[in-house]
Amino acid sequence: YTGVSSDMFIAAFLDRRCRKGLEKVWMVPEQYKELRAIVLELMVDLVKKDEKETDTNKNGGESEGPMHANAAAAGETDFAFDGAFDYDDNESGDGGSDSDNEERIRIRCEAQLAAYELLDPMKMKTDGKYNNPLQWWAVSKDTYPELAKLAKKYLSIPATSALSERVWSRTARVLTARRASTSPDLIS
């Protein structure tokens, strides 16, 4: 689909009313797998970004904890337990390496994505009213936290620029050559 923004496909994937259509009708399997991989990467990146921000906030913007900062301020250079809990990559330690953490994040996101894909599609209308996928995501944010964040981001993009075009059109009618002498105070 040349000329179509990938954001549109991501939004369609996150909209339960049309996700199955992407998978079964509008895309060939390879395209759908590629889109799914993009959504998975967006989820993983979102979690890593959130964790990084959480770590920064916990440490007051510093990369090391408050005990280290207090010791440095007191002129101390060594702790009794320095290195005692450091593990080599080959040892079975706390599993805190970046690659292990990313793998845990990826597994969690993959599980969310797989569970989401098992859901039945949402109907376009119920009782004559259009269903709002953002309302469903607001209710389901605890079950699918990363997907819900992506849905909020991508489904809140206006489908058209009609509103902004209307504003510019009205402004052009007000600010014509005949009204060029109007002071800015009267316009706003």
Protein backbone atom coordinates (compact mmCIF):
# COMPACT_ATOMS: atom_id res chain seq x y z
CA TYR A 1 0.00 0.00 0.00
CA THR A 2 2.14 2.83 -1.25
CA GLY A 3 1.16 6.33 -0.28
CA VAL A 4 -0.71 5.20 2.86
CA SER A 5 0.81 6.04 6.22
CA SER A 6 1.80 3.07 8.37
CA ASP A 7 0.03 4.86 11.24
CA MET A 8 -3.28 4.11 9.52
CA PHE A 9 -2.55 0.38 9.50
CA ILE A 10 -1.41 0.44 13.13
CA ALA A 11 -4.63 2.26 14.08
CA ALA A 12 -6.68 -0.30 12.12
CA PHE A 13 -4.85 -3.14 13.89
CA LEU A 14 -5.69 -1.59 17.28
CA ASP A 15 -9.34 -0.99 16.33
CA ARG A 16 -11.21 -4.20 17.14
CA ARG A 17 -13.86 -3.27 14.60
CA CYS A 18 -11.47 -3.74 11.66
CA ARG A 19 -8.46 -5.80 12.84
CA LYS A 20 -9.91 -9.06 11.52
CA GLY A 21 -10.53 -7.35 8.18
CA LEU A 22 -6.84 -6.49 7.98
CA GLU A 23 -5.89 -10.07 8.69
CA LYS A 24 -8.46 -11.84 6.51
CA VAL A 25 -9.36 -9.43 3.68
CA TRP A 26 -7.20 -6.37 3.14
CA MET A 27 -3.70 -7.79 3.65
CA VAL A 28 -1.85 -10.84 2.49
CA PRO A 29 -0.44 -12.93 5.36
CA GLU A 30 3.11 -11.56 4.93
CA GLN A 31 1.87 -7.97 5.22
CA TYR A 32 -0.15 -8.81 8.33
CA LYS A 33 2.85 -10.53 9.95
CA GLU A 34 4.97 -7.47 9.19
CA LEU A 35 2.36 -5.16 10.71
CA ARG A 36 2.12 -7.39 13.78
CA ALA A 37 5.92 -7.28 14.16
CA ILE A 38 5.82 -3.46 13.95
CA VAL A 39 3.14 -3.33 16.67
CA LEU A 40 5.19 -5.70 18.84
CA GLU A 41 8.30 -3.51 18.45
CA LEU A 42 6.27 -0.42 19.33
CA MET A 43 5.05 -2.17 22.47
CA VAL A 44 8.57 -3.26 23.51
CA ASP A 45 9.93 0.25 22.88
CA LEU A 46 7.10 1.74 24.92
CA VAL A 47 7.81 -0.52 27.90
CA LYS A 48 11.56 0.15 27.74
CA LYS A 49 10.91 3.90 27.59
CA ASP A 50 8.50 3.71 30.54
CA GLU A 51 10.97 1.65 32.58
CA LYS A 52 13.79 4.07 31.79
CA GLU A 53 11.64 7.03 32.89
CA THR A 54 10.62 5.16 36.05
CA ASP A 55 14.26 4.39 36.87
CA THR A 56 15.23 8.02 36.27
CA ASN A 57 12.42 9.25 38.50
CA LYS A 58 13.27 6.76 41.26
CA ASN A 59 16.91 7.89 41.28
CA GLY A 60 16.15 11.58 41.10
CA GLY A 61 17.58 11.80 37.60
CA GLU A 62 20.82 10.09 38.62
CA SER A 63 22.00 6.73 37.38
CA GLU A 64 23.12 5.57 40.82
CA GLY A 65 21.18 5.20 44.06
CA PRO A 66 21.06 7.62 46.99
CA MET A 67 23.43 5.53 49.17
CA HIS A 68 26.19 5.99 46.62
CA ALA A 69 25.49 9.72 46.41
CA ASN A 70 25.58 10.05 50.23
CA ALA A 71 28.84 8.12 50.45
CA ALA A 72 30.42 10.25 47.75
CA ALA A 73 29.30 13.38 49.56
CA ALA A 74 30.89 12.08 52.78
CA GLY A 75 34.16 11.40 50.98
CA GLU A 76 33.85 7.61 51.17
CA THR A 77 35.02 5.68 48.17
CA ASP A 78 34.33 2.02 49.02
CA PHE A 79 31.40 0.09 50.41
CA ALA A 80 31.74 -3.14 52.34
CA PHE A 81 29.50 -4.92 49.83
CA ASP A 82 30.85 -3.39 46.61
CA GLY A 83 30.91 -6.11 43.97
CA ALA A 84 29.52 -8.76 46.30
CA PHE A 85 26.30 -9.01 44.33
CA ASP A 86 27.73 -8.48 40.85
CA TYR A 87 27.46 -11.51 38.61
CA ASP A 88 29.29 -12.39 35.46
CA ASP A 89 27.19 -12.96 32.37
CA ASN A 90 28.00 -16.67 32.60
CA GLU A 91 26.80 -17.04 36.20
CA SER A 92 23.18 -17.47 37.15
CA GLY A 93 22.54 -14.20 38.90
CA ASP A 94 19.52 -12.01 39.29
CA GLY A 95 18.89 -12.02 35.54
CA GLY A 96 19.20 -8.27 35.45
CA SER A 97 21.11 -7.94 32.20
CA ASP A 98 19.66 -5.70 29.53
CA SER A 99 19.18 -8.56 27.07
CA ASP A 100 17.37 -10.68 29.70
CA ASN A 101 15.17 -7.74 30.61
CA GLU A 102 14.35 -7.04 26.97
CA GLU A 103 13.50 -10.70 26.46
CA ARG A 104 11.11 -10.64 29.45
CA ILE A 105 9.51 -7.47 28.05
CA ARG A 106 9.19 -9.07 24.61
CA ILE A 107 7.57 -12.21 26.06
CA ARG A 108 5.08 -10.13 28.07
CA CYS A 109 4.20 -8.00 25.03
CA GLU A 110 3.90 -11.07 22.81
CA ALA A 111 1.48 -12.63 25.30
CA GLN A 112 -0.65 -9.47 25.32
CA LEU A 113 -0.67 -9.35 21.54
CA ALA A 114 -1.60 -13.03 21.20
CA ALA A 115 -4.45 -12.67 23.71
CA TYR A 116 -5.73 -9.57 21.88
CA GLU A 117 -5.72 -11.39 18.56
CA LEU A 118 -7.94 -14.14 20.01
CA LEU A 119 -10.72 -11.65 20.76
CA ASP A 120 -13.78 -11.58 18.56
CA PRO A 121 -14.16 -8.45 16.45
CA MET A 122 -16.19 -5.57 17.83
CA LYS A 123 -19.30 -4.68 15.86
CA MET A 124 -19.40 -1.28 14.18
CA LYS A 125 -22.80 -0.52 15.67
CA THR A 126 -24.75 -1.72 18.67
CA ASP A 127 -28.36 -0.60 19.09
CA GLY A 128 -27.93 1.88 16.25
CA LYS A 129 -24.93 3.60 17.87
CA TYR A 130 -21.34 3.38 16.70
CA ASN A 131 -19.03 1.53 19.08
CA ASN A 132 -16.04 3.55 20.25
CA PRO A 133 -12.86 1.45 20.38
CA LEU A 134 -11.19 3.98 22.70
CA GLN A 135 -13.87 3.31 25.31
CA TRP A 136 -13.15 -0.41 25.06
CA TRP A 137 -9.41 0.23 25.48
CA ALA A 138 -10.07 2.42 28.54
CA VAL A 139 -11.94 -0.49 30.14
CA SER A 140 -9.33 -3.05 29.03
CA LYS A 141 -6.18 -1.11 29.94
CA ASP A 142 -5.40 -3.40 32.91
CA THR A 143 -5.57 -6.53 30.75
CA TYR A 144 -3.60 -5.06 27.83
CA PRO A 145 -1.57 -2.16 29.32
CA GLU A 146 0.95 -1.64 26.51
CA LEU A 147 -1.57 -2.19 23.73
CA ALA A 148 -3.96 0.24 25.45
CA LYS A 149 -1.26 2.93 25.47
CA LEU A 150 -0.61 2.37 21.77
CA ALA A 151 -4.34 2.42 21.04
CA LYS A 152 -4.73 5.73 22.83
CA LYS A 153 -1.87 7.15 20.80
CA TYR A 154 -2.91 5.84 17.38
CA LEU A 155 -6.71 5.84 17.62
CA SER A 156 -6.81 9.44 18.78
CA ILE A 157 -5.34 10.66 15.48
CA PRO A 158 -8.09 12.50 13.57
CA ALA A 159 -9.08 10.60 10.46
CA THR A 160 -9.30 13.78 8.38
CA SER A 161 -8.03 17.31 8.48
CA ALA A 162 -11.51 18.73 7.74
CA LEU A 163 -11.73 20.62 11.04
CA SER A 164 -8.41 22.41 10.57
CA GLU A 165 -9.27 23.08 6.90
CA ARG A 166 -12.54 24.71 8.01
CA VAL A 167 -10.70 26.95 10.45
CA TRP A 168 -8.26 28.11 7.75
CA SER A 169 -11.12 28.67 5.32
CA ARG A 170 -13.02 30.84 7.80
CA THR A 171 -9.85 32.76 8.63
CA ALA A 172 -9.25 33.42 4.93
CA ARG A 173 -12.78 34.84 4.61
CA VAL A 174 -12.23 37.15 7.57
CA LEU A 175 -8.74 38.28 6.60
CA THR A 176 -9.38 39.45 3.05
CA ALA A 177 -7.72 42.27 1.19
CA ARG A 178 -10.78 44.45 1.89
CA ARG A 179 -10.31 43.90 5.61
CA ALA A 180 -6.55 44.33 5.54
CA SER A 181 -6.85 47.52 7.58
CA THR A 182 -8.63 45.70 10.45
CA SER A 183 -6.56 45.86 13.59
CA PRO A 184 -5.40 42.54 15.11
CA ASP A 185 -7.36 43.31 18.30
CA LEU A 186 -10.67 43.18 16.43
CA ILE A 187 -9.85 39.87 14.72
CA SER A 188 -9.14 37.86 17.87
